[in-house]
């Protein structure tokens, strides 16, 4: 498995692995309880991680020439 594909596991680990630690109600971040902020943060981070994987994955570059 390529290292770039291992990066795709990071959102899964961050979202589900971090929930027990982020399950707090008292600290508010941007007006949301910390758990809601944690979930929204990982949704945004997942977009950028998947964009990075798409950009650096060599198999996507090979397919771009076929579409034109």
PDB file of N, CA and C in Angstrom:
ATOM      1  N   UNK A   1       0.853  -1.174   0.000  1.00  0.00           N
ATOM      2  CA  UNK A   1       0.000   0.000   0.000  1.00  0.00           C
ATOM      3  C   UNK A   1       0.904   1.244   0.000  1.00  0.00           C
ATOM      4  N   UNK A   2       0.555   2.218  -0.805  1.00  0.00           N
ATOM      5  CA  UNK A   2       1.343   3.438  -0.892  1.00  0.00           C
ATOM      6  C   UNK A   2       1.139   4.286   0.358  1.00  0.00           C
ATOM      7  N   UNK A   3       2.166   5.060   0.670  1.00  0.00           N
ATOM      8  CA  UNK A   3       2.073   5.940   1.839  1.00  0.00           C
ATOM      9  C   UNK A   3       0.970   6.973   1.675  1.00  0.00           C
ATOM     10  N   UNK A   4       0.739   7.403   0.449  1.00  0.00           N
ATOM     11  CA  UNK A   4      -0.301   8.406   0.211  1.00  0.00           C
ATOM     12  C   UNK A   4      -1.688   7.829   0.516  1.00  0.00           C
ATOM     13  N   UNK A   5      -1.852   6.534   0.329  1.00  0.00           N
ATOM     14  CA  UNK A   5      -3.130   5.900   0.650  1.00  0.00           C
ATOM     15  C   UNK A   5      -3.302   5.714   2.156  1.00  0.00           C
ATOM     16  N   UNK A   6      -2.203   5.585   2.867  1.00  0.00           N
ATOM     17  CA  UNK A   6      -2.294   5.510   4.326  1.00  0.00           C
ATOM     18  C   UNK A   6      -2.796   6.823   4.911  1.00  0.00           C
ATOM     19  N   UNK A   7      -2.559   7.913   4.187  1.00  0.00           N
ATOM     20  CA  UNK A   7      -3.061   9.216   4.614  1.00  0.00           C
ATOM     21  C   UNK A   7      -4.594   9.230   4.632  1.00  0.00           C
ATOM     22  N   UNK A   8      -5.213   8.404   3.812  1.00  0.00           N
ATOM     23  CA  UNK A   8      -6.665   8.319   3.775  1.00  0.00           C
ATOM     24  C   UNK A   8      -7.276   7.733   5.032  1.00  0.00           C
ATOM     25  N   UNK A   9      -6.479   7.040   5.828  1.00  0.00           N
ATOM     26  CA  UNK A   9      -6.979   6.482   7.087  1.00  0.00           C
ATOM     27  C   UNK A   9      -7.016   7.524   8.200  1.00  0.00           C
ATOM     28  N   UNK A  10      -6.310   8.633   8.004  1.00  0.00           N
ATOM     29  CA  UNK A  10      -6.234   9.663   9.036  1.00  0.00           C
ATOM     30  C   UNK A  10      -7.593  10.246   9.415  1.00  0.00           C
ATOM     31  N   UNK A  11      -8.475  10.580   8.468  1.00  0.00           N
ATOM     32  CA  UNK A  11      -9.796  11.093   8.884  1.00  0.00           C
ATOM     33  C   UNK A  11     -10.602  10.084   9.702  1.00  0.00           C
ATOM     34  N   UNK A  12     -10.508   8.816   9.337  1.00  0.00           N
ATOM     35  CA  UNK A  12     -11.221   7.781  10.084  1.00  0.00           C
ATOM     36  C   UNK A  12     -10.726   7.710  11.518  1.00  0.00           C
ATOM     37  N   UNK A  13      -9.406   7.718  11.663  1.00  0.00           N
ATOM     38  CA  UNK A  13      -8.822   7.655  13.004  1.00  0.00           C
ATOM     39  C   UNK A  13      -9.141   8.919  13.792  1.00  0.00           C
ATOM     40  N   UNK A  14      -9.034  10.075  13.141  1.00  0.00           N
ATOM     41  CA  UNK A  14      -9.298  11.332  13.839  1.00  0.00           C
ATOM     42  C   UNK A  14     -10.741  11.491  14.244  1.00  0.00           C
ATOM     43  N   UNK A  15     -11.637  11.097  13.369  1.00  0.00           N
ATOM     44  CA  UNK A  15     -13.064  11.273  13.650  1.00  0.00           C
ATOM     45  C   UNK A  15     -13.532  10.279  14.724  1.00  0.00           C
ATOM     46  N   UNK A  16     -13.301   9.014  14.501  1.00  0.00           N
ATOM     47  CA  UNK A  16     -13.829   8.015  15.434  1.00  0.00           C
ATOM     48  C   UNK A  16     -12.916   7.784  16.628  1.00  0.00           C
ATOM     49  N   UNK A  17     -11.611   7.843  16.412  1.00  0.00           N
ATOM     50  CA  UNK A  17     -10.684   7.620  17.520  1.00  0.00           C
ATOM     51  C   UNK A  17     -10.646   8.771  18.500  1.00  0.00           C
ATOM     52  N   UNK A  18     -10.890   9.975  18.007  1.00  0.00           N
ATOM     53  CA  UNK A  18     -10.830  11.141  18.877  1.00  0.00           C
ATOM     54  C   UNK A  18     -12.120  11.475  19.589  1.00  0.00           C
ATOM     55  N   UNK A  19     -13.218  10.854  19.193  1.00  0.00           N
ATOM     56  CA  UNK A  19     -14.505  11.184  19.812  1.00  0.00           C
ATOM     57  C   UNK A  19     -14.548  10.948  21.321  1.00  0.00           C
ATOM     58  N   UNK A  20     -14.019   9.847  21.828  1.00  0.00           N
ATOM     59  CA  UNK A  20     -14.070   9.694  23.291  1.00  0.00           C
ATOM     60  C   UNK A  20     -13.297  10.774  24.034  1.00  0.00           C
ATOM     61  N   UNK A  21     -12.228  11.286  23.435  1.00  0.00           N
ATOM     62  CA  UNK A  21     -11.441  12.335  24.081  1.00  0.00           C
ATOM     63  C   UNK A  21     -12.057  13.717  23.887  1.00  0.00           C
ATOM     64  N   UNK A  22     -12.794  13.892  22.800  1.00  0.00           N
ATOM     65  CA  UNK A  22     -13.391  15.193  22.499  1.00  0.00           C
ATOM     66  C   UNK A  22     -14.800  15.331  23.058  1.00  0.00           C
ATOM     67  N   UNK A  23     -15.301  14.321  23.698  1.00  0.00           N
ATOM     68  CA  UNK A  23     -16.675  14.343  24.192  1.00  0.00           C
ATOM     69  C   UNK A  23     -16.760  15.177  25.474  1.00  0.00           C
ATOM     70  N   UNK A  24     -16.693  16.470  25.297  1.00  0.00           N
ATOM     71  CA  UNK A  24     -16.791  17.416  26.399  1.00  0.00           C
ATOM     72  C   UNK A  24     -17.865  18.441  26.049  1.00  0.00           C
ATOM     73  N   UNK A  25     -18.565  18.893  27.039  1.00  0.00           N
ATOM     74  CA  UNK A  25     -19.623  19.857  26.795  1.00  0.00           C
ATOM     75  C   UNK A  25     -19.213  21.265  27.212  1.00  0.00           C
ATOM     76  N   UNK A  26     -18.367  21.388  28.202  1.00  0.00           N
ATOM     77  CA  UNK A  26     -18.079  22.704  28.764  1.00  0.00           C
ATOM     78  C   UNK A  26     -17.249  23.612  27.858  1.00  0.00           C
ATOM     79  N   UNK A  27     -16.169  23.185  27.232  1.00  0.00           N
ATOM     80  CA  UNK A  27     -15.474  24.178  26.390  1.00  0.00           C
ATOM     81  C   UNK A  27     -16.232  24.426  25.096  1.00  0.00           C
ATOM     82  N   UNK A  28     -16.445  25.684  24.791  1.00  0.00           N
ATOM     83  CA  UNK A  28     -17.119  26.073  23.561  1.00  0.00           C
ATOM     84  C   UNK A  28     -16.089  26.659  22.602  1.00  0.00           C
ATOM     85  N   UNK A  29     -16.143  26.225  21.365  1.00  0.00           N
ATOM     86  CA  UNK A  29     -15.262  26.749  20.327  1.00  0.00           C
ATOM     87  C   UNK A  29     -16.165  27.243  19.202  1.00  0.00           C
ATOM     88  N   UNK A  30     -16.015  28.499  18.854  1.00  0.00           N
ATOM     89  CA  UNK A  30     -16.850  29.132  17.828  1.00  0.00           C
ATOM     90  C   UNK A  30     -18.343  28.971  18.125  1.00  0.00           C
ATOM     91  N   UNK A  31     -18.696  28.992  19.383  1.00  0.00           N
ATOM     92  CA  UNK A  31     -20.092  28.914  19.790  1.00  0.00           C
ATOM     93  C   UNK A  31     -20.668  27.510  19.806  1.00  0.00           C
ATOM     94  N   UNK A  32     -19.851  26.506  19.535  1.00  0.00           N
ATOM     95  CA  UNK A  32     -20.325  25.117  19.515  1.00  0.00           C
ATOM     96  C   UNK A  32     -19.662  24.346  20.653  1.00  0.00           C
ATOM     97  N   UNK A  33     -20.349  23.347  21.194  1.00  0.00           N
ATOM     98  CA  UNK A  33     -19.663  22.455  22.125  1.00  0.00           C
ATOM     99  C   UNK A  33     -18.471  21.797  21.419  1.00  0.00           C
ATOM    100  N   UNK A  34     -17.477  21.433  22.205  1.00  0.00           N
ATOM    101  CA  UNK A  34     -16.231  20.946  21.624  1.00  0.00           C
ATOM    102  C   UNK A  34     -16.440  19.719  20.750  1.00  0.00           C
ATOM    103  N   UNK A  35     -17.367  18.845  21.078  1.00  0.00           N
ATOM    104  CA  UNK A  35     -17.613  17.651  20.266  1.00  0.00           C
ATOM    105  C   UNK A  35     -18.105  18.032  18.874  1.00  0.00           C
ATOM    106  N   UNK A  36     -19.015  18.988  18.783  1.00  0.00           N
ATOM    107  CA  UNK A  36     -19.504  19.428  17.471  1.00  0.00           C
ATOM    108  C   UNK A  36     -18.389  20.091  16.676  1.00  0.00           C
ATOM    109  N   UNK A  37     -17.579  20.904  17.361  1.00  0.00           N
ATOM    110  CA  UNK A  37     -16.444  21.532  16.693  1.00  0.00           C
ATOM    111  C   UNK A  37     -15.479  20.474  16.168  1.00  0.00           C
ATOM    112  N   UNK A  38     -15.230  19.430  16.944  1.00  0.00           N
ATOM    113  CA  UNK A  38     -14.321  18.345  16.543  1.00  0.00           C
ATOM    114  C   UNK A  38     -14.820  17.672  15.261  1.00  0.00           C
ATOM    115  N   UNK A  39     -16.102  17.401  15.188  1.00  0.00           N
ATOM    116  CA  UNK A  39     -16.672  16.739  14.015  1.00  0.00           C
ATOM    117  C   UNK A  39     -16.595  17.657  12.790  1.00  0.00           C
ATOM    118  N   UNK A  40     -16.950  18.920  12.947  1.00  0.00           N
ATOM    119  CA  UNK A  40     -16.877  19.866  11.831  1.00  0.00           C
ATOM    120  C   UNK A  40     -15.430  20.044  11.379  1.00  0.00           C
ATOM    121  N   UNK A  41     -14.517  20.114  12.319  1.00  0.00           N
ATOM    122  CA  UNK A  41     -13.099  20.240  11.988  1.00  0.00           C
ATOM    123  C   UNK A  41     -12.625  19.065  11.146  1.00  0.00           C
ATOM    124  N   UNK A  42     -13.011  17.857  11.497  1.00  0.00           N
ATOM    125  CA  UNK A  42     -12.570  16.686  10.740  1.00  0.00           C
ATOM    126  C   UNK A  42     -13.250  16.576   9.388  1.00  0.00           C
ATOM    127  N   UNK A  43     -14.442  17.116   9.253  1.00  0.00           N
ATOM    128  CA  UNK A  43     -15.071  17.149   7.932  1.00  0.00           C
ATOM    129  C   UNK A  43     -14.277  18.055   7.003  1.00  0.00           C
ATOM    130  N   UNK A  44     -13.871  19.213   7.497  1.00  0.00           N
ATOM    131  CA  UNK A  44     -13.066  20.132   6.690  1.00  0.00           C
ATOM    132  C   UNK A  44     -11.688  19.538   6.409  1.00  0.00           C
ATOM    133  N   UNK A  45     -11.055  18.959   7.418  1.00  0.00           N
ATOM    134  CA  UNK A  45      -9.741  18.348   7.227  1.00  0.00           C
ATOM    135  C   UNK A  45      -9.797  17.176   6.255  1.00  0.00           C
ATOM    136  N   UNK A  46     -10.893  16.421   6.277  1.00  0.00           N
ATOM    137  CA  UNK A  46     -11.041  15.301   5.352  1.00  0.00           C
ATOM    138  C   UNK A  46     -11.046  15.789   3.916  1.00  0.00           C
ATOM    139  N   UNK A  47     -11.695  16.911   3.647  1.00  0.00           N
ATOM    140  CA  UNK A  47     -11.684  17.473   2.299  1.00  0.00           C
ATOM    141  C   UNK A  47     -10.256  17.764   1.849  1.00  0.00           C
ATOM    142  N   UNK A  48      -9.476  18.409   2.695  1.00  0.00           N
ATOM    143  CA  UNK A  48      -8.115  18.767   2.305  1.00  0.00           C
ATOM    144  C   UNK A  48      -7.202  17.540   2.206  1.00  0.00           C
ATOM    145  N   UNK A  49      -7.423  16.546   3.044  1.00  0.00           N
ATOM    146  CA  UNK A  49      -6.636  15.316   2.952  1.00  0.00           C
ATOM    147  C   UNK A  49      -6.947  14.573   1.658  1.00  0.00           C
ATOM    148  N   UNK A  50      -8.235  14.486   1.313  1.00  0.00           N
ATOM    149  CA  UNK A  50      -8.599  13.811   0.060  1.00  0.00           C
ATOM    150  C   UNK A  50      -8.115  14.595  -1.166  1.00  0.00           C
ATOM    151  N   UNK A  51      -8.117  15.916  -1.086  1.00  0.00           N
ATOM    152  CA  UNK A  51      -7.574  16.730  -2.164  1.00  0.00           C
ATOM    153  C   UNK A  51      -6.076  16.492  -2.323  1.00  0.00           C
ATOM    154  N   UNK A  52      -5.370  16.354  -1.213  1.00  0.00           N
ATOM    155  CA  UNK A  52      -3.940  16.050  -1.257  1.00  0.00           C
ATOM    156  C   UNK A  52      -3.694  14.685  -1.863  1.00  0.00           C
ATOM    157  N   UNK A  53      -4.475  13.700  -1.479  1.00  0.00           N
ATOM    158  CA  UNK A  53      -4.322  12.358  -2.036  1.00  0.00           C
ATOM    159  C   UNK A  53      -4.584  12.378  -3.533  1.00  0.00           C
ATOM    160  N   UNK A  54      -5.620  13.063  -3.966  1.00  0.00           N
ATOM    161  CA  UNK A  54      -5.943  13.135  -5.385  1.00  0.00           C
ATOM    162  C   UNK A  54      -4.830  13.834  -6.161  1.00  0.00           C
ATOM    163  N   UNK A  55      -4.266  14.878  -5.577  1.00  0.00           N
ATOM    164  CA  UNK A  55      -3.226  15.639  -6.255  1.00  0.00           C
ATOM    165  C   UNK A  55      -1.946  14.833  -6.424  1.00  0.00           C
ATOM    166  N   UNK A  56      -1.544  14.099  -5.396  1.00  0.00           N
ATOM    167  CA  UNK A  56      -0.257  13.412  -5.423  1.00  0.00           C
ATOM    168  C   UNK A  56      -0.330  11.966  -5.898  1.00  0.00           C
ATOM    169  N   UNK A  57      -1.514  11.437  -6.115  1.00  0.00           N
ATOM    170  CA  UNK A  57      -1.641  10.047  -6.561  1.00  0.00           C
ATOM    171  C   UNK A  57      -1.321   9.967  -8.058  1.00  0.00           C
ATOM    172  N   UNK A  58      -0.338   9.181  -8.399  1.00  0.00           N
ATOM    173  CA  UNK A  58       0.134   9.078  -9.775  1.00  0.00           C
ATOM    174  C   UNK A  58      -0.928   8.490 -10.705  1.00  0.00           C
ATOM    175  N   UNK A  59      -1.754   7.605 -10.218  1.00  0.00           N
ATOM    176  CA  UNK A  59      -2.764   6.986 -11.076  1.00  0.00           C
ATOM    177  C   UNK A  59      -3.788   8.014 -11.570  1.00  0.00           C
ATOM    178  N   UNK A  60      -4.035   9.074 -10.813  1.00  0.00           N
ATOM    179  CA  UNK A  60      -4.953  10.131 -11.268  1.00  0.00           C
ATOM    180  C   UNK A  60      -4.338  10.955 -12.392  1.00  0.00           C
ATOM    181  N   UNK A  61      -3.033  11.118 -12.385  1.00  0.00           N
ATOM    182  CA  UNK A  61      -2.374  11.872 -13.447  1.00  0.00           C
ATOM    183  C   UNK A  61      -2.419  11.105 -14.759  1.00  0.00           C
ATOM    184  N   UNK A  62      -2.304   9.797 -14.708  1.00  0.00           N
ATOM    185  CA  UNK A  62      -2.347   8.987 -15.917  1.00  0.00           C
ATOM    186  C   UNK A  62      -3.725   9.052 -16.575  1.00  0.00           C
ATOM    187  N   UNK A  63      -4.773   9.141 -15.789  1.00  0.00           N
ATOM    188  CA  UNK A  63      -6.133   9.149 -16.321  1.00  0.00           C
ATOM    189  C   UNK A  63      -6.521  10.509 -16.897  1.00  0.00           C
ATOM    190  N   UNK A  64      -5.835  11.587 -16.487  1.00  0.00           N
ATOM    191  CA  UNK A  64      -6.186  12.912 -17.002  1.00  0.00           C
ATOM    192  C   UNK A  64      -5.958  13.006 -18.508  1.00  0.00           C
ATOM    193  N   UNK A  65      -4.915  12.382 -19.021  1.00  0.00           N
ATOM    194  CA  UNK A  65      -4.627  12.433 -20.439  1.00  0.00           C
ATOM    195  C   UNK A  65      -5.655  11.673 -21.270  1.00  0.00           C
ATOM    196  N   UNK A  66      -6.269  10.659 -20.687  1.00  0.00           N
ATOM    197  CA  UNK A  66      -7.257   9.870 -21.411  1.00  0.00           C
ATOM    198  C   UNK A  66      -8.573  10.614 -21.590  1.00  0.00           C
ATOM    199  N   UNK A  67      -8.886  11.542 -20.698  1.00  0.00           N
ATOM    200  CA  UNK A  67     -10.161  12.254 -20.734  1.00  0.00           C
ATOM    201  C   UNK A  67     -10.191  13.301 -21.841  1.00  0.00           C
ATOM    202  N   UNK A  68      -9.066  13.832 -22.186  1.00  0.00           N
ATOM    203  CA  UNK A  68      -9.032  14.933 -23.151  1.00  0.00           C
ATOM    204  C   UNK A  68      -9.235  14.470 -24.560  1.00  0.00           C
TER     205      UNK A  68
END
